[in-house]
Amino acid sequence: MMKVVVAFYSHSGITRDVSEAIVDELKLATDWEVALCEIKPQKEVGQGFSKYLWGGYQVVSKRSPELMPYTFDTEADLVFIGTPVWASSIAPAIRSFFAKQDLTGKEVFCYYTCQGGPGKVAERFHEETKNCSQVEIKAFDKHEMDIENFEMVARKWVRTIVERKNK
């Protein structure tokens, strides 16, 4: 049986909603073993202006915060990794996740939610997943679709992945 982990960090809840839609669709469309893995820093950056100030500082200074304990099945065949865009990059908590997890040889599906601009997120994902067997990146960008459609688009994306895997 195929094992799948959907790992994500979400600050505002948008990336969480997309991640949960991915898990729901995988469970509906397959008999695969699917686990949701929420990545959280031990110390969150806060809301409002402090989020942008401290979060941006963490990105620019390449900080990797300590993470809360989480469960990640290292035997997973497929790994989905989601992040919001922070200061044109992946969120620091996801940088920490990549530093902790060996994804060598794994098939990885990266996704990001974006309300400002994608910046260099795809480039960062490619850097972090260079040892993976296959990498696919999906954008959920407010400039390309309404946020209300992110979950629907995520479900469609999952169905195309499942179709490819079942061939």
N, C-alpha and C. Protein backbone atom coordinates (compact mmCIF):
# COMPACT_ATOMS: atom_id res chain seq x y z
N MET A 1 0.84 -1.18 0.00
CA MET A 1 0.00 0.00 0.00
C MET A 1 0.89 1.24 0.00
N MET A 2 0.49 2.22 -0.78
CA MET A 2 1.21 3.49 -0.87
C MET A 2 1.03 4.28 0.42
N LYS A 3 2.14 4.85 0.92
CA LYS A 3 2.08 5.71 2.11
C LYS A 3 2.36 7.14 1.68
N VAL A 4 1.57 8.07 2.22
CA VAL A 4 1.69 9.48 1.87
C VAL A 4 1.70 10.32 3.13
N VAL A 5 2.59 11.31 3.17
CA VAL A 5 2.59 12.30 4.24
C VAL A 5 2.38 13.68 3.62
N VAL A 6 1.46 14.43 4.21
CA VAL A 6 1.23 15.81 3.81
C VAL A 6 1.74 16.67 4.98
N ALA A 7 2.93 17.25 4.80
CA ALA A 7 3.56 18.08 5.83
C ALA A 7 3.38 19.54 5.44
N PHE A 8 3.04 20.37 6.43
CA PHE A 8 2.80 21.78 6.09
C PHE A 8 3.05 22.67 7.30
N TYR A 9 3.28 23.94 7.00
CA TYR A 9 3.28 25.00 8.00
C TYR A 9 2.25 26.01 7.54
N SER A 10 1.46 26.51 8.47
CA SER A 10 0.47 27.54 8.15
C SER A 10 0.42 28.54 9.28
N HIS A 11 0.50 29.80 8.92
CA HIS A 11 0.42 30.86 9.93
C HIS A 11 -1.00 31.41 10.01
N SER A 12 -1.60 31.69 8.86
CA SER A 12 -2.93 32.31 8.84
C SER A 12 -4.07 31.31 8.67
N GLY A 13 -3.75 30.07 8.31
CA GLY A 13 -4.78 29.05 8.12
C GLY A 13 -5.02 28.70 6.66
N ILE A 14 -4.54 29.50 5.73
CA ILE A 14 -4.78 29.24 4.31
C ILE A 14 -4.05 27.97 3.86
N THR A 15 -2.78 27.84 4.22
CA THR A 15 -2.02 26.65 3.83
C THR A 15 -2.58 25.41 4.54
N ARG A 16 -3.09 25.57 5.75
CA ARG A 16 -3.74 24.46 6.45
C ARG A 16 -4.97 23.99 5.67
N ASP A 17 -5.79 24.93 5.22
CA ASP A 17 -6.99 24.56 4.46
C ASP A 17 -6.63 23.80 3.18
N VAL A 18 -5.62 24.26 2.47
CA VAL A 18 -5.18 23.56 1.25
C VAL A 18 -4.66 22.17 1.61
N SER A 19 -3.89 22.07 2.67
CA SER A 19 -3.33 20.78 3.11
C SER A 19 -4.43 19.80 3.48
N GLU A 20 -5.42 20.27 4.20
CA GLU A 20 -6.53 19.39 4.58
C GLU A 20 -7.34 18.96 3.35
N ALA A 21 -7.48 19.83 2.36
CA ALA A 21 -8.17 19.45 1.12
C ALA A 21 -7.37 18.37 0.39
N ILE A 22 -6.05 18.48 0.39
CA ILE A 22 -5.20 17.47 -0.24
C ILE A 22 -5.39 16.12 0.46
N VAL A 23 -5.35 16.12 1.78
CA VAL A 23 -5.54 14.88 2.54
C VAL A 23 -6.93 14.30 2.27
N ASP A 24 -7.95 15.13 2.33
CA ASP A 24 -9.32 14.65 2.09
C ASP A 24 -9.45 14.01 0.71
N GLU A 25 -8.89 14.68 -0.29
CA GLU A 25 -9.01 14.15 -1.66
C GLU A 25 -8.23 12.86 -1.83
N LEU A 26 -7.05 12.78 -1.22
CA LEU A 26 -6.28 11.53 -1.28
C LEU A 26 -7.06 10.38 -0.65
N LYS A 27 -7.71 10.66 0.46
CA LYS A 27 -8.49 9.61 1.14
C LYS A 27 -9.73 9.22 0.34
N LEU A 28 -10.33 10.17 -0.35
CA LEU A 28 -11.50 9.88 -1.19
C LEU A 28 -11.13 9.10 -2.44
N ALA A 29 -9.99 9.46 -3.04
CA ALA A 29 -9.63 8.93 -4.35
C ALA A 29 -8.79 7.66 -4.30
N THR A 30 -8.26 7.31 -3.11
CA THR A 30 -7.36 6.16 -3.03
C THR A 30 -7.62 5.34 -1.77
N ASP A 31 -6.95 4.21 -1.70
CA ASP A 31 -6.93 3.44 -0.46
C ASP A 31 -5.56 3.56 0.20
N TRP A 32 -4.82 4.60 -0.17
CA TRP A 32 -3.49 4.82 0.37
C TRP A 32 -3.56 5.23 1.83
N GLU A 33 -2.48 4.96 2.55
CA GLU A 33 -2.34 5.40 3.93
C GLU A 33 -1.86 6.85 3.90
N VAL A 34 -2.68 7.78 4.40
CA VAL A 34 -2.39 9.20 4.30
C VAL A 34 -2.32 9.81 5.70
N ALA A 35 -1.24 10.56 5.96
CA ALA A 35 -1.06 11.21 7.26
C ALA A 35 -0.83 12.70 7.06
N LEU A 36 -1.41 13.48 7.94
CA LEU A 36 -1.23 14.93 7.96
C LEU A 36 -0.19 15.26 9.03
N CYS A 37 0.79 16.07 8.69
CA CYS A 37 1.89 16.40 9.59
C CYS A 37 2.04 17.93 9.64
N GLU A 38 1.56 18.53 10.72
CA GLU A 38 1.66 19.97 10.84
C GLU A 38 3.00 20.35 11.48
N ILE A 39 3.71 21.22 10.81
CA ILE A 39 5.01 21.71 11.26
C ILE A 39 4.77 23.04 11.97
N LYS A 40 5.21 23.13 13.22
CA LYS A 40 5.04 24.37 13.99
C LYS A 40 6.35 24.74 14.67
N PRO A 41 6.71 26.02 14.61
CA PRO A 41 7.89 26.44 15.35
C PRO A 41 7.57 26.48 16.85
N GLN A 42 8.57 26.30 17.68
CA GLN A 42 8.34 26.39 19.12
C GLN A 42 7.89 27.78 19.51
N LYS A 43 8.36 28.78 18.78
CA LYS A 43 8.00 30.15 19.07
C LYS A 43 7.46 30.79 17.80
N GLU A 44 6.16 31.07 17.78
CA GLU A 44 5.52 31.67 16.60
C GLU A 44 5.85 33.16 16.56
N VAL A 45 5.81 33.75 15.37
CA VAL A 45 6.23 35.15 15.20
C VAL A 45 5.15 36.17 15.57
N GLY A 46 3.94 35.76 15.80
CA GLY A 46 2.89 36.71 16.16
C GLY A 46 2.05 37.11 14.96
N GLN A 47 1.27 38.14 15.13
CA GLN A 47 0.35 38.60 14.08
C GLN A 47 0.69 40.04 13.69
N GLY A 48 -0.01 40.52 12.68
CA GLY A 48 0.12 41.91 12.28
C GLY A 48 1.51 42.28 11.83
N PHE A 49 1.92 43.49 12.19
CA PHE A 49 3.20 44.02 11.74
C PHE A 49 4.38 43.18 12.24
N SER A 50 4.28 42.66 13.47
CA SER A 50 5.40 41.86 14.00
C SER A 50 5.62 40.59 13.18
N LYS A 51 4.53 40.06 12.60
CA LYS A 51 4.67 38.88 11.74
C LYS A 51 5.56 39.22 10.55
N TYR A 52 5.30 40.35 9.91
CA TYR A 52 6.08 40.72 8.74
C TYR A 52 7.51 41.10 9.12
N LEU A 53 7.65 41.81 10.20
CA LEU A 53 8.97 42.25 10.63
C LEU A 53 9.83 41.06 11.07
N TRP A 54 9.37 40.28 12.06
CA TRP A 54 10.14 39.17 12.58
C TRP A 54 10.21 38.01 11.58
N GLY A 55 9.10 37.72 10.90
CA GLY A 55 9.10 36.66 9.89
C GLY A 55 10.05 36.97 8.75
N GLY A 56 9.99 38.22 8.27
CA GLY A 56 10.89 38.63 7.20
C GLY A 56 12.35 38.57 7.63
N TYR A 57 12.62 38.98 8.87
CA TYR A 57 13.98 38.91 9.41
C TYR A 57 14.48 37.47 9.42
N GLN A 58 13.62 36.54 9.85
CA GLN A 58 14.01 35.12 9.90
C GLN A 58 14.36 34.61 8.50
N VAL A 59 13.57 35.02 7.50
CA VAL A 59 13.82 34.57 6.13
C VAL A 59 15.14 35.14 5.63
N VAL A 60 15.30 36.45 5.74
CA VAL A 60 16.49 37.12 5.21
C VAL A 60 17.76 36.63 5.90
N SER A 61 17.69 36.39 7.21
CA SER A 61 18.87 35.93 7.95
C SER A 61 19.02 34.40 7.91
N LYS A 62 18.13 33.74 7.16
CA LYS A 62 18.15 32.28 6.98
C LYS A 62 18.09 31.54 8.30
N ARG A 63 17.28 32.04 9.21
CA ARG A 63 17.09 31.37 10.51
C ARG A 63 16.24 30.13 10.32
N SER A 64 16.53 29.14 11.10
CA SER A 64 15.75 27.90 11.11
C SER A 64 15.29 27.69 12.54
N PRO A 65 14.04 28.03 12.83
CA PRO A 65 13.56 27.93 14.21
C PRO A 65 13.47 26.48 14.69
N GLU A 66 13.57 26.32 16.01
CA GLU A 66 13.32 25.01 16.61
C GLU A 66 11.85 24.68 16.39
N LEU A 67 11.58 23.41 16.13
CA LEU A 67 10.20 22.99 15.84
C LEU A 67 9.59 22.25 17.03
N MET A 68 8.27 22.34 17.10
CA MET A 68 7.52 21.52 18.04
C MET A 68 7.65 20.07 17.57
N PRO A 69 7.56 19.10 18.46
CA PRO A 69 7.63 17.70 18.04
C PRO A 69 6.52 17.38 17.03
N TYR A 70 6.85 16.57 16.06
CA TYR A 70 5.87 16.14 15.05
C TYR A 70 6.19 14.71 14.66
N THR A 71 5.22 14.05 14.03
CA THR A 71 5.41 12.68 13.58
C THR A 71 5.48 12.67 12.06
N PHE A 72 6.57 12.14 11.54
CA PHE A 72 6.78 12.04 10.09
C PHE A 72 7.16 10.61 9.77
N ASP A 73 6.38 9.96 8.91
CA ASP A 73 6.65 8.58 8.52
C ASP A 73 7.76 8.56 7.48
N THR A 74 8.94 8.16 7.89
CA THR A 74 10.09 8.14 6.98
C THR A 74 9.94 7.09 5.88
N GLU A 75 8.98 6.20 6.04
CA GLU A 75 8.72 5.17 5.02
C GLU A 75 7.74 5.64 3.95
N ALA A 76 7.30 6.88 4.02
CA ALA A 76 6.33 7.40 3.05
C ALA A 76 6.88 7.32 1.63
N ASP A 77 6.01 6.93 0.70
CA ASP A 77 6.38 6.85 -0.72
C ASP A 77 6.29 8.23 -1.37
N LEU A 78 5.25 8.97 -0.98
CA LEU A 78 5.02 10.31 -1.52
C LEU A 78 4.98 11.30 -0.37
N VAL A 79 5.56 12.47 -0.58
CA VAL A 79 5.55 13.51 0.44
C VAL A 79 5.07 14.80 -0.19
N PHE A 80 4.04 15.37 0.39
CA PHE A 80 3.55 16.70 0.01
C PHE A 80 4.08 17.66 1.06
N ILE A 81 4.59 18.83 0.62
CA ILE A 81 5.13 19.82 1.55
C ILE A 81 4.55 21.18 1.19
N GLY A 82 3.85 21.80 2.16
CA GLY A 82 3.20 23.08 1.91
C GLY A 82 3.71 24.19 2.79
N THR A 83 3.78 25.38 2.21
CA THR A 83 4.24 26.56 2.94
C THR A 83 3.55 27.81 2.42
N PRO A 84 3.35 28.80 3.28
CA PRO A 84 2.99 30.11 2.77
C PRO A 84 4.28 30.79 2.27
N VAL A 85 4.13 31.79 1.44
CA VAL A 85 5.28 32.57 1.00
C VAL A 85 5.57 33.63 2.05
N TRP A 86 6.80 33.65 2.50
CA TRP A 86 7.25 34.66 3.47
C TRP A 86 8.46 35.36 2.88
N ALA A 87 8.39 36.67 2.73
CA ALA A 87 9.51 37.47 2.22
C ALA A 87 10.10 36.83 0.96
N SER A 88 9.23 36.43 0.05
CA SER A 88 9.60 35.84 -1.24
C SER A 88 10.29 34.48 -1.12
N SER A 89 10.07 33.75 -0.03
CA SER A 89 10.72 32.47 0.17
C SER A 89 9.79 31.52 0.93
N ILE A 90 10.32 30.33 1.22
CA ILE A 90 9.58 29.38 2.05
C ILE A 90 9.61 29.88 3.49
N ALA A 91 8.63 29.49 4.28
CA ALA A 91 8.58 29.89 5.69
C ALA A 91 9.76 29.24 6.44
N PRO A 92 10.31 29.95 7.43
CA PRO A 92 11.44 29.40 8.20
C PRO A 92 11.16 28.02 8.81
N ALA A 93 9.94 27.78 9.25
CA ALA A 93 9.62 26.47 9.84
C ALA A 93 9.80 25.35 8.81
N ILE A 94 9.50 25.62 7.55
CA ILE A 94 9.68 24.61 6.51
C ILE A 94 11.17 24.43 6.21
N ARG A 95 11.94 25.50 6.30
CA ARG A 95 13.40 25.36 6.16
C ARG A 95 13.93 24.42 7.24
N SER A 96 13.43 24.58 8.48
CA SER A 96 13.83 23.70 9.57
C SER A 96 13.42 22.26 9.30
N PHE A 97 12.22 22.08 8.75
CA PHE A 97 11.73 20.75 8.41
C PHE A 97 12.67 20.08 7.40
N PHE A 98 13.04 20.81 6.35
CA PHE A 98 13.95 20.25 5.35
C PHE A 98 15.29 19.87 5.98
N ALA A 99 15.76 20.66 6.93
CA ALA A 99 17.04 20.37 7.59
C ALA A 99 16.96 19.09 8.43
N LYS A 100 15.78 18.78 8.96
CA LYS A 100 15.61 17.60 9.83
C LYS A 100 15.31 16.32 9.06
N GLN A 101 14.61 16.42 7.94
CA GLN A 101 14.12 15.24 7.23
C GLN A 101 14.99 14.89 6.04
N ASP A 102 15.33 13.64 5.93
CA ASP A 102 16.06 13.16 4.75
C ASP A 102 15.03 12.68 3.74
N LEU A 103 14.90 13.41 2.67
CA LEU A 103 13.92 13.08 1.63
C LEU A 103 14.58 12.47 0.40
N THR A 104 15.82 12.04 0.54
CA THR A 104 16.56 11.46 -0.58
C THR A 104 15.78 10.32 -1.22
N GLY A 105 15.62 10.41 -2.52
CA GLY A 105 14.94 9.36 -3.27
C GLY A 105 13.43 9.40 -3.21
N LYS A 106 12.86 10.32 -2.46
CA LYS A 106 11.40 10.39 -2.32
C LYS A 106 10.78 11.16 -3.49
N GLU A 107 9.54 10.86 -3.75
CA GLU A 107 8.75 11.62 -4.71
C GLU A 107 8.06 12.72 -3.91
N VAL A 108 8.33 13.98 -4.27
CA VAL A 108 7.89 15.10 -3.46
C VAL A 108 7.03 16.05 -4.29
N PHE A 109 5.93 16.48 -3.68
CA PHE A 109 5.01 17.44 -4.28
C PHE A 109 4.95 18.65 -3.37
N CYS A 110 5.57 19.74 -3.81
CA CYS A 110 5.63 20.96 -3.01
C CYS A 110 4.53 21.91 -3.46
N TYR A 111 4.00 22.65 -2.51
CA TYR A 111 2.98 23.65 -2.86
C TYR A 111 3.13 24.84 -1.93
N TYR A 112 2.70 25.98 -2.45
CA TYR A 112 2.77 27.19 -1.65
C TYR A 112 1.53 28.05 -1.87
N THR A 113 1.16 28.75 -0.80
CA THR A 113 0.05 29.70 -0.88
C THR A 113 0.65 31.09 -0.85
N CYS A 114 0.08 31.95 -1.66
CA CYS A 114 0.70 33.24 -1.91
C CYS A 114 -0.35 34.33 -2.07
N GLN A 115 -0.17 35.40 -1.31
CA GLN A 115 -1.08 36.54 -1.46
C GLN A 115 -0.37 37.77 -2.00
N GLY A 116 0.96 37.77 -1.96
CA GLY A 116 1.71 38.93 -2.42
C GLY A 116 2.42 38.67 -3.73
N GLY A 117 3.26 37.70 -3.76
CA GLY A 117 4.03 37.32 -4.93
C GLY A 117 4.88 36.11 -4.58
N PRO A 118 5.11 35.22 -5.53
CA PRO A 118 5.82 33.98 -5.22
C PRO A 118 7.31 34.14 -4.97
N GLY A 119 7.89 35.24 -5.42
CA GLY A 119 9.32 35.43 -5.19
C GLY A 119 10.13 34.25 -5.69
N LYS A 120 10.97 33.70 -4.81
CA LYS A 120 11.87 32.61 -5.19
C LYS A 120 11.50 31.30 -4.52
N VAL A 121 10.22 31.12 -4.24
CA VAL A 121 9.79 29.90 -3.54
C VAL A 121 10.12 28.65 -4.35
N ALA A 122 9.81 28.65 -5.64
CA ALA A 122 10.08 27.47 -6.46
C ALA A 122 11.57 27.17 -6.46
N GLU A 123 12.40 28.19 -6.57
CA GLU A 123 13.85 28.01 -6.54
C GLU A 123 14.28 27.39 -5.21
N ARG A 124 13.72 27.87 -4.10
CA ARG A 124 14.07 27.33 -2.77
C ARG A 124 13.64 25.87 -2.66
N PHE A 125 12.43 25.57 -3.15
CA PHE A 125 11.97 24.18 -3.12
C PHE A 125 12.93 23.29 -3.90
N HIS A 126 13.35 23.73 -5.07
CA HIS A 126 14.27 22.92 -5.88
C HIS A 126 15.60 22.72 -5.15
N GLU A 127 16.10 23.74 -4.48
CA GLU A 127 17.34 23.61 -3.71
C GLU A 127 17.19 22.57 -2.60
N GLU A 128 16.06 22.62 -1.91
CA GLU A 128 15.85 21.74 -0.76
C GLU A 128 15.53 20.30 -1.16
N THR A 129 15.10 20.09 -2.39
CA THR A 129 14.67 18.75 -2.81
C THR A 129 15.57 18.16 -3.90
N LYS A 130 16.78 18.66 -4.01
CA LYS A 130 17.67 18.23 -5.11
C LYS A 130 17.99 16.74 -5.06
N ASN A 131 17.86 16.09 -3.90
CA ASN A 131 18.15 14.65 -3.79
C ASN A 131 16.91 13.78 -3.90
N CYS A 132 15.80 14.38 -4.23
CA CYS A 132 14.55 13.62 -4.36
C CYS A 132 14.46 13.00 -5.75
N SER A 133 13.69 11.93 -5.86
CA SER A 133 13.59 11.24 -7.16
C SER A 133 12.74 12.03 -8.14
N GLN A 134 11.75 12.73 -7.64
CA GLN A 134 10.87 13.53 -8.50
C GLN A 134 10.32 14.67 -7.67
N VAL A 135 10.24 15.84 -8.28
CA VAL A 135 9.72 17.01 -7.58
C VAL A 135 8.73 17.72 -8.50
N GLU A 136 7.60 18.06 -7.92
CA GLU A 136 6.59 18.85 -8.63
C GLU A 136 6.20 19.99 -7.71
N ILE A 137 6.02 21.18 -8.27
CA ILE A 137 5.68 22.36 -7.47
C ILE A 137 4.39 22.97 -7.99
N LYS A 138 3.49 23.26 -7.06
CA LYS A 138 2.18 23.85 -7.39
C LYS A 138 2.00 25.15 -6.62
N ALA A 139 1.57 26.18 -7.33
CA ALA A 139 1.31 27.49 -6.72
C ALA A 139 -0.18 27.67 -6.49
N PHE A 140 -0.51 28.19 -5.33
CA PHE A 140 -1.86 28.63 -5.03
C PHE A 140 -1.72 30.13 -4.78
N ASP A 141 -1.80 30.88 -5.88
CA ASP A 141 -1.48 32.30 -5.89
C ASP A 141 -2.76 33.11 -6.04
N LYS A 142 -2.96 34.03 -5.11
CA LYS A 142 -4.14 34.90 -5.11
C LYS A 142 -4.26 35.70 -6.41
N HIS A 143 -3.15 35.94 -7.08
CA HIS A 143 -3.17 36.71 -8.33
C HIS A 143 -3.62 35.86 -9.52
N GLU A 144 -3.63 34.55 -9.36
CA GLU A 144 -4.04 33.64 -10.43
C GLU A 144 -5.41 33.03 -10.18
N MET A 145 -5.86 33.01 -8.94
CA MET A 145 -7.17 32.44 -8.60
C MET A 145 -7.64 33.02 -7.28
N ASP A 146 -8.93 33.00 -7.06
CA ASP A 146 -9.47 33.47 -5.78
C ASP A 146 -9.08 32.50 -4.68
N ILE A 147 -8.79 33.03 -3.51
CA ILE A 147 -8.42 32.19 -2.37
C ILE A 147 -9.51 31.14 -2.11
N GLU A 148 -10.75 31.51 -2.35
CA GLU A 148 -11.86 30.58 -2.14
C GLU A 148 -11.75 29.36 -3.04
N ASN A 149 -10.99 29.46 -4.13
CA ASN A 149 -10.83 28.34 -5.06
C ASN A 149 -9.59 27.49 -4.78
N PHE A 150 -8.77 27.88 -3.82
CA PHE A 150 -7.55 27.13 -3.53
C PHE A 150 -7.85 25.67 -3.24
N GLU A 151 -8.84 25.40 -2.41
CA GLU A 151 -9.14 24.02 -2.02
C GLU A 151 -9.63 23.20 -3.21
N MET A 152 -10.47 23.79 -4.05
CA MET A 152 -10.97 23.09 -5.23
C MET A 152 -9.81 22.76 -6.18
N VAL A 153 -8.93 23.72 -6.39
CA VAL A 153 -7.77 23.51 -7.27
C VAL A 153 -6.85 22.44 -6.66
N ALA A 154 -6.69 22.45 -5.36
CA ALA A 154 -5.87 21.43 -4.69
C ALA A 154 -6.44 20.04 -4.94
N ARG A 155 -7.75 19.90 -4.82
CA ARG A 155 -8.40 18.61 -5.06
C ARG A 155 -8.17 18.14 -6.50
N LYS A 156 -8.29 19.04 -7.46
CA LYS A 156 -8.06 18.69 -8.87
C LYS A 156 -6.61 18.26 -9.08
N TRP A 157 -5.69 18.99 -8.47
CA TRP A 157 -4.27 18.65 -8.57
C TRP A 157 -4.02 17.24 -8.04
N VAL A 158 -4.59 16.93 -6.90
CA VAL A 158 -4.43 15.59 -6.30
C VAL A 158 -4.98 14.52 -7.24
N ARG A 159 -6.14 14.77 -7.84
CA ARG A 159 -6.71 13.78 -8.76
C ARG A 159 -5.78 13.52 -9.95
N THR A 160 -5.12 14.57 -10.47
CA THR A 160 -4.18 14.34 -11.59
C THR A 160 -2.98 13.52 -11.12
N ILE A 161 -2.52 13.76 -9.91
CA ILE A 161 -1.40 12.99 -9.37
C ILE A 161 -1.81 11.52 -9.21
N VAL A 162 -2.97 11.29 -8.65
CA VAL A 162 -3.47 9.92 -8.45
C VAL A 162 -3.61 9.21 -9.80
N GLU A 163 -4.15 9.90 -10.79
CA GLU A 163 -4.29 9.29 -12.12
C GLU A 163 -2.93 8.88 -12.69
N ARG A 164 -1.94 9.74 -12.54
CA ARG A 164 -0.60 9.42 -13.03
C ARG A 164 -0.01 8.23 -12.28
N LYS A 165 -0.22 8.17 -10.97
CA LYS A 165 0.33 7.08 -10.17
C LYS A 165 -0.36 5.75 -10.47
N ASN A 166 -1.61 5.80 -10.88
CA ASN A 166 -2.37 4.58 -11.15
C ASN A 166 -2.19 4.05 -12.57
N LYS A 167 -1.41 4.73 -13.38
CA LYS A 167 -1.20 4.24 -14.77
C LYS A 167 -0.25 3.08 -14.80
